[in-house]
Protein backbone atom coordinates (compact mmCIF):
# COMPACT_ATOMS: atom_id res chain seq x y z
CA MET A 1 14.79 11.83 13.73
CA GLU A 2 14.00 11.90 10.02
CA LYS A 3 10.39 12.29 8.97
CA ILE A 4 8.64 9.17 7.76
CA ILE A 5 6.13 9.21 4.91
CA ILE A 6 2.74 7.59 5.42
CA HIS A 7 0.93 6.08 2.44
CA GLU A 8 -2.69 5.39 3.39
CA VAL A 9 -3.94 2.44 1.32
CA GLY A 10 -7.24 1.74 3.05
CA MET A 11 -9.37 3.06 0.19
CA ARG A 12 -7.82 0.48 -2.13
CA ASP A 13 -6.21 -2.41 -0.28
CA GLY A 14 -8.59 -1.93 2.61
CA LEU A 15 -11.81 -2.11 0.59
CA GLN A 16 -10.92 -4.53 -2.20
CA VAL A 17 -11.80 -7.65 -0.20
CA GLU A 18 -15.08 -6.32 1.18
CA GLN A 19 -18.27 -7.94 -0.12
CA GLN A 20 -20.21 -4.74 0.53
CA THR A 21 -19.36 -1.98 -1.96
CA VAL A 22 -18.90 1.48 -0.48
CA PRO A 23 -20.88 4.08 -2.49
CA THR A 24 -18.81 6.67 -4.35
CA ASP A 25 -20.17 9.56 -2.25
CA LYS A 26 -19.13 7.78 0.94
CA LYS A 27 -15.66 7.10 -0.50
CA ILE A 28 -15.28 10.79 -1.34
CA GLU A 29 -16.28 11.68 2.22
CA TRP A 30 -13.70 9.28 3.68
CA ILE A 31 -10.93 10.45 1.33
CA LYS A 32 -11.57 14.08 2.26
CA SER A 33 -11.37 13.18 5.95
CA LEU A 34 -8.16 11.23 5.38
CA MET A 35 -6.69 14.25 3.60
CA GLN A 36 -7.36 16.33 6.70
CA THR A 37 -5.41 13.90 8.90
CA GLY A 38 -2.09 14.96 7.38
CA VAL A 39 -1.10 11.62 5.85
CA ASP A 40 1.23 12.17 2.90
CA ILE A 41 -0.20 9.85 0.23
CA ILE A 42 -3.66 8.32 -0.21
CA GLN A 43 -4.23 5.38 -2.54
CA VAL A 44 -7.62 6.19 -4.03
CA GLY A 45 -8.21 2.89 -5.83
CA SER A 46 -7.02 0.44 -8.45
CA PHE A 47 -7.59 0.36 -12.19
CA VAL A 48 -8.75 -3.23 -12.45
CA HIS A 49 -11.60 -4.96 -14.26
CA PRO A 50 -14.86 -4.08 -12.45
CA VAL A 51 -16.13 -7.65 -12.75
CA LYS A 52 -13.07 -9.07 -10.97
CA VAL A 53 -12.96 -6.40 -8.24
CA PRO A 54 -16.34 -4.63 -8.20
CA THR A 55 -15.42 -2.54 -5.15
CA MET A 56 -12.93 -0.67 -7.36
CA ALA A 57 -15.34 0.04 -10.24
CA ASP A 58 -15.55 3.78 -9.46
CA THR A 59 -11.79 4.48 -9.33
CA ASP A 60 -11.88 6.59 -12.51
CA LYS A 61 -14.75 8.68 -11.13
CA LEU A 62 -12.92 9.29 -7.86
CA PHE A 63 -9.78 10.55 -9.60
CA GLU A 64 -11.85 12.73 -11.94
CA TYR A 65 -13.55 14.26 -8.90
CA PHE A 66 -10.31 14.99 -7.04
CA SER A 67 -8.56 16.28 -10.16
CA LYS A 68 -10.67 19.43 -9.76
CA PRO A 69 -8.83 22.01 -7.59
CA GLU A 70 -11.95 22.88 -5.62
CA ASN A 71 -12.23 19.25 -4.45
CA LYS A 72 -8.60 18.71 -3.45
CA THR A 73 -7.75 21.24 -0.77
CA THR A 74 -4.52 19.73 0.59
CA ASN A 75 -1.13 18.77 -0.83
CA THR A 76 -1.81 15.08 -0.27
CA VAL A 77 -0.50 12.96 -3.15
CA LEU A 78 -3.15 10.69 -4.69
CA SER A 79 -1.90 7.32 -5.85
CA GLY A 80 -3.50 4.56 -7.90
CA LEU A 81 -2.65 0.91 -8.43
CA VAL A 82 -2.31 -0.44 -11.99
CA LEU A 83 -1.78 -4.04 -13.06
CA ASN A 84 -1.45 -3.68 -16.82
CA GLU A 85 -1.11 -1.26 -19.72
CA LYS A 86 -4.86 -0.65 -19.93
CA GLY A 87 -4.92 0.35 -16.27
CA LEU A 88 -1.98 2.70 -16.82
CA GLU A 89 -3.76 4.29 -19.77
CA ARG A 90 -6.89 4.81 -17.68
CA GLY A 91 -4.87 6.29 -14.83
CA MET A 92 -3.07 8.70 -17.15
CA GLY A 93 -6.42 9.88 -18.43
CA VAL A 94 -7.85 10.81 -15.04
CA GLY A 95 -4.88 12.55 -13.45
CA VAL A 96 -3.23 9.97 -11.19
CA GLU A 97 -0.29 11.66 -9.48
CA MET A 98 1.57 8.55 -8.34
CA PHE A 99 1.39 5.13 -9.97
CA CYS A 100 1.88 1.96 -7.95
CA MET A 101 2.59 -1.30 -9.75
CA GLY A 102 4.48 -4.47 -9.01
CA VAL A 103 5.17 -8.16 -9.38
CA SER A 104 5.04 -11.08 -6.99
CA ALA A 105 8.12 -13.03 -5.95
CA SER A 106 5.79 -16.05 -5.68
CA GLU A 107 4.97 -17.75 -8.98
CA THR A 108 1.71 -19.13 -7.58
CA HIS A 109 0.55 -15.77 -6.25
CA SER A 110 1.63 -14.04 -9.46
CA LYS A 111 -0.49 -16.36 -11.61
CA LYS A 112 -3.52 -16.03 -9.33
CA ASN A 113 -3.17 -12.25 -9.10
CA THR A 114 -2.27 -11.38 -12.70
CA GLY A 115 -2.49 -14.55 -14.78
CA MET A 116 1.22 -14.17 -15.56
CA THR A 117 4.48 -15.67 -14.34
CA THR A 118 6.77 -13.45 -12.31
CA GLU A 119 9.10 -12.96 -15.28
CA GLU A 120 6.26 -12.12 -17.68
CA ALA A 121 4.84 -9.61 -15.21
CA LEU A 122 8.26 -8.08 -14.54
CA VAL A 123 8.90 -7.32 -18.21
CA ARG A 124 5.54 -5.58 -18.53
CA ILE A 125 5.75 -3.68 -15.24
CA ILE A 126 9.22 -2.31 -16.01
CA ALA A 127 8.03 -1.05 -19.40
CA MET A 128 4.95 0.51 -17.78
CA ALA A 129 7.03 2.17 -15.07
CA LYS A 130 9.35 3.68 -17.65
CA ASN A 131 6.40 5.05 -19.61
CA ALA A 132 4.88 6.62 -16.49
CA LEU A 133 8.22 8.13 -15.45
CA ALA A 134 8.71 9.53 -18.95
CA ALA A 135 5.30 11.21 -18.58
CA GLY A 136 6.51 12.96 -15.44
CA LYS A 137 4.61 10.79 -12.98
CA SER A 138 5.86 9.49 -9.66
CA VAL A 139 6.20 5.70 -9.77
CA GLN A 140 6.52 3.15 -7.00
CA VAL A 141 7.14 -0.46 -7.96
CA SER A 142 6.70 -3.32 -5.54
CA VAL A 143 7.78 -6.85 -4.81
CA GLN A 144 4.71 -8.69 -3.52
CA SER A 145 5.04 -11.78 -1.31
CA ALA A 146 8.49 -10.43 -0.46
CA PHE A 147 8.57 -12.14 2.94
CA GLY A 148 6.65 -15.33 2.20
CA CYS A 149 3.67 -16.73 0.32
CA GLY A 150 0.38 -18.15 1.58
CA PHE A 151 0.59 -20.86 -1.10
CA GLU A 152 4.31 -21.58 -1.41
CA GLY A 153 5.49 -20.77 2.11
CA VAL A 154 9.07 -19.50 2.21
CA VAL A 155 10.07 -17.22 -0.65
CA PRO A 156 13.87 -17.27 -1.08
CA LYS A 157 15.48 -13.90 -0.43
CA GLU A 158 17.49 -14.33 -3.63
CA ARG A 159 14.28 -14.31 -5.67
CA VAL A 160 13.24 -11.00 -4.10
CA ILE A 161 16.71 -9.50 -4.62
CA SER A 162 16.74 -10.55 -8.30
CA ILE A 163 13.52 -8.61 -8.93
CA ILE A 164 14.89 -5.55 -7.13
CA GLU A 165 18.08 -5.71 -9.16
CA LYS A 166 16.01 -5.67 -12.37
CA TYR A 167 14.15 -2.58 -11.16
CA LEU A 168 17.39 -0.81 -10.29
CA GLU A 169 19.05 -1.76 -13.59
CA ASN A 170 16.19 0.05 -15.32
CA GLY A 171 16.53 3.20 -13.25
CA ILE A 172 13.53 2.55 -10.99
CA GLU A 173 14.56 3.31 -7.41
CA PHE A 174 11.29 3.75 -5.47
CA ILE A 175 10.53 0.19 -4.36
CA SER A 176 7.97 -1.22 -1.93
CA LEU A 177 8.42 -4.53 -0.11
CA ALA A 178 4.94 -6.00 0.30
CA ASP A 179 4.27 -8.65 2.92
CA THR A 180 1.19 -9.91 1.08
CA ALA A 181 0.69 -13.03 3.20
CA GLY A 182 1.75 -11.44 6.50
CA HIS A 183 4.61 -13.90 7.06
CA ALA A 184 7.32 -11.31 7.86
CA PHE A 185 9.08 -11.17 11.22
CA PRO A 186 11.45 -8.44 12.48
CA SER A 187 14.84 -10.10 12.00
CA GLN A 188 13.85 -11.19 8.49
CA VAL A 189 12.82 -7.62 7.72
CA GLU A 190 16.17 -6.34 8.98
CA GLU A 191 18.14 -8.85 6.93
CA LEU A 192 16.31 -8.18 3.65
CA ILE A 193 16.54 -4.40 4.00
CA ALA A 194 20.26 -4.59 4.77
CA SER A 195 20.84 -6.73 1.68
CA ILE A 196 19.00 -4.22 -0.52
CA TYR A 197 20.92 -1.21 0.81
CA LYS A 198 24.18 -3.05 0.08
CA ILE A 199 23.16 -3.18 -3.58
CA ASN A 200 22.14 0.48 -3.72
CA PRO A 201 22.30 2.70 -0.61
CA ASN A 202 20.21 5.34 -2.39
CA VAL A 203 17.20 3.14 -3.06
CA LYS A 204 13.95 4.64 -1.74
CA LEU A 205 12.36 1.76 0.19
CA ALA A 206 8.77 1.46 1.34
CA CYS A 207 7.27 -1.33 3.43
CA HIS A 208 3.73 -2.68 3.27
CA PHE A 209 3.02 -5.12 6.07
CA HIS A 210 -0.05 -7.19 6.84
CA ASP A 211 -0.94 -8.18 10.39
CA THR A 212 -1.98 -11.76 9.66
CA TYR A 213 0.12 -13.22 12.49
CA GLY A 214 0.19 -10.16 14.74
CA LEU A 215 3.67 -8.90 13.83
CA GLY A 216 2.75 -5.94 11.64
CA ILE A 217 3.67 -3.11 14.02
CA ALA A 218 6.85 -4.90 15.15
CA ASN A 219 7.88 -5.22 11.51
CA CYS A 220 7.22 -1.50 10.91
CA TYR A 221 9.49 -0.62 13.82
CA SER A 222 12.21 -2.98 12.55
CA ALA A 223 11.99 -1.44 9.08
CA TYR A 224 12.20 2.08 10.51
CA LYS A 225 15.21 1.23 12.66
CA ASN A 226 16.94 -0.11 9.57
CA GLY A 227 16.43 2.97 7.42
CA VAL A 228 13.01 2.68 5.78
CA LYS A 229 11.12 5.99 5.58
CA TYR A 230 7.98 5.04 3.61
CA PHE A 231 5.17 3.02 5.19
CA GLU A 232 1.88 1.79 3.71
CA SER A 233 -1.05 1.11 6.03
CA ALA A 234 -4.85 1.11 6.13
CA PHE A 235 -7.21 2.95 8.46
CA ALA A 236 -8.92 0.65 10.98
CA GLY A 237 -6.67 -2.24 9.85
CA LEU A 238 -8.92 -2.99 6.88
CA GLY A 239 -7.98 -5.12 3.94
CA GLY A 240 -5.96 -7.95 2.56
CA CYS A 241 -5.14 -9.43 -0.82
CA PRO A 242 -8.09 -11.41 -2.28
CA PHE A 243 -5.64 -13.57 -4.24
CA THR A 244 -3.66 -14.98 -1.32
CA ALA A 245 -4.46 -18.03 0.80
CA LYS A 246 -5.42 -16.19 4.00
CA ALA A 247 -6.48 -12.59 3.40
CA SER A 248 -5.85 -10.54 6.52
CA GLY A 249 -5.86 -6.87 7.30
CA ASN A 250 -3.11 -4.35 6.72
CA VAL A 251 -1.20 -2.72 9.52
CA CYS A 252 -3.66 -0.23 11.01
CA THR A 253 -2.70 3.37 10.18
CA GLU A 254 -3.77 4.90 13.48
CA ASP A 255 -2.03 2.16 15.49
CA MET A 256 1.17 2.62 13.47
CA VAL A 257 1.03 6.41 13.83
CA ASN A 258 0.50 5.97 17.57
CA MET A 259 3.61 3.78 17.73
CA PHE A 260 5.67 6.38 15.89
CA ASN A 261 4.21 9.14 18.08
CA ARG A 262 5.50 7.33 21.16
CA ILE A 263 9.06 7.69 19.84
CA GLY A 264 8.53 11.31 18.84
CA ILE A 265 7.70 10.96 15.13
CA ARG A 266 4.80 12.35 13.05
CA LYS A 267 2.91 14.00 15.87
CA ASP A 268 1.44 16.25 13.19
CA ILE A 269 -0.91 13.45 12.10
CA ASN A 270 -4.44 13.94 13.43
CA LEU A 271 -5.17 10.68 15.22
CA GLU A 272 -8.66 11.75 16.27
CA THR A 273 -9.73 12.16 12.65
CA LEU A 274 -8.12 8.86 11.66
CA ILE A 275 -10.02 7.08 14.41
CA SER A 276 -13.28 8.79 13.39
CA VAL A 277 -12.91 7.45 9.82
CA GLY A 278 -12.32 3.98 11.25
CA LYS A 279 -15.45 4.25 13.41
CA GLU A 280 -17.47 5.31 10.35
CA ALA A 281 -16.16 2.23 8.54
CA GLU A 282 -17.17 0.02 11.47
CA GLU A 283 -20.65 1.50 11.38
CA PHE A 284 -20.91 1.10 7.60
CA PHE A 285 -19.76 -2.54 7.55
CA GLY A 286 -21.61 -3.40 10.74
CA ARG A 287 -18.76 -5.17 12.47
CA GLU A 288 -15.78 -4.56 14.72
CA LEU A 289 -12.60 -3.78 12.80
CA PRO A 290 -9.06 -4.79 13.89
CA GLY A 291 -7.65 -1.38 14.89
CA LYS A 292 -6.59 -1.19 18.55
CA LEU A 293 -7.10 2.57 19.00
CA LEU A 294 -10.66 2.15 17.72
CA LYS A 295 -11.33 0.16 20.89
CA VAL A 296 -9.24 1.91 23.55
CA GLY A 297 -8.76 5.46 22.26
CA ILE A 298 -5.63 7.60 22.44
CA LEU A 299 -3.32 7.32 25.44
CA LYS A 300 -3.22 10.75 27.03
């Protein structure tokens, strides 16, 4: 079985909807623990306006801290989300290793999230991706609302494919399919992935599922069985997009890792440490979080 790559997005997508801001020192503590779990990529934060998303106001400081060799003791790749040219400039200045950026296949979600139409956002994102690639950075572009929209409902597959074709035409082959509203179901996942591989069998696909309707883990398994190797998830099942109709948590990292462990994959990931970070988050926020392993522990 081929190794899958786990992109832990809890520090960004997990925290962005929280009303309570996590102090920078606590974030550093959690990121260091997540590094020790063996996950491959950690999304440290997003370069957005601090007034719009105050929980991300210290993203620059976090990258500056981990850009020092004495503070980054593993080979974990640190990623950052950017929405515009200013964010890209900020990220370049503080040592982001992997840039994540994307557009929504839903016009309504795109306007609420970025203030731009899908086409306007696509032109800018492609130019930004090219600039980051030219600077020697790793770049992952995404199609948000790829499986449905909380405002518009069904998003035609053709609309998603047209965005992916634009990415590929511009030499951008690392693409994430984001289920922003959590509408995806396994057979839909299978169909979309198959259509993309027909266009370009060498495309590097990632999947980012939300568990809004309880199908997140099933969708991960469907994506894996159909060739996807990159998965984005959040510890404790935190998170959700603040600009969709019903914000709901991401697929829980420890639950997803447990699922893959049961079929013999990524047993190198330290589940105990992942669970401990989730329990710290529960204690910090003062509420029960969605992760299943947080409640029942690891099956021995």
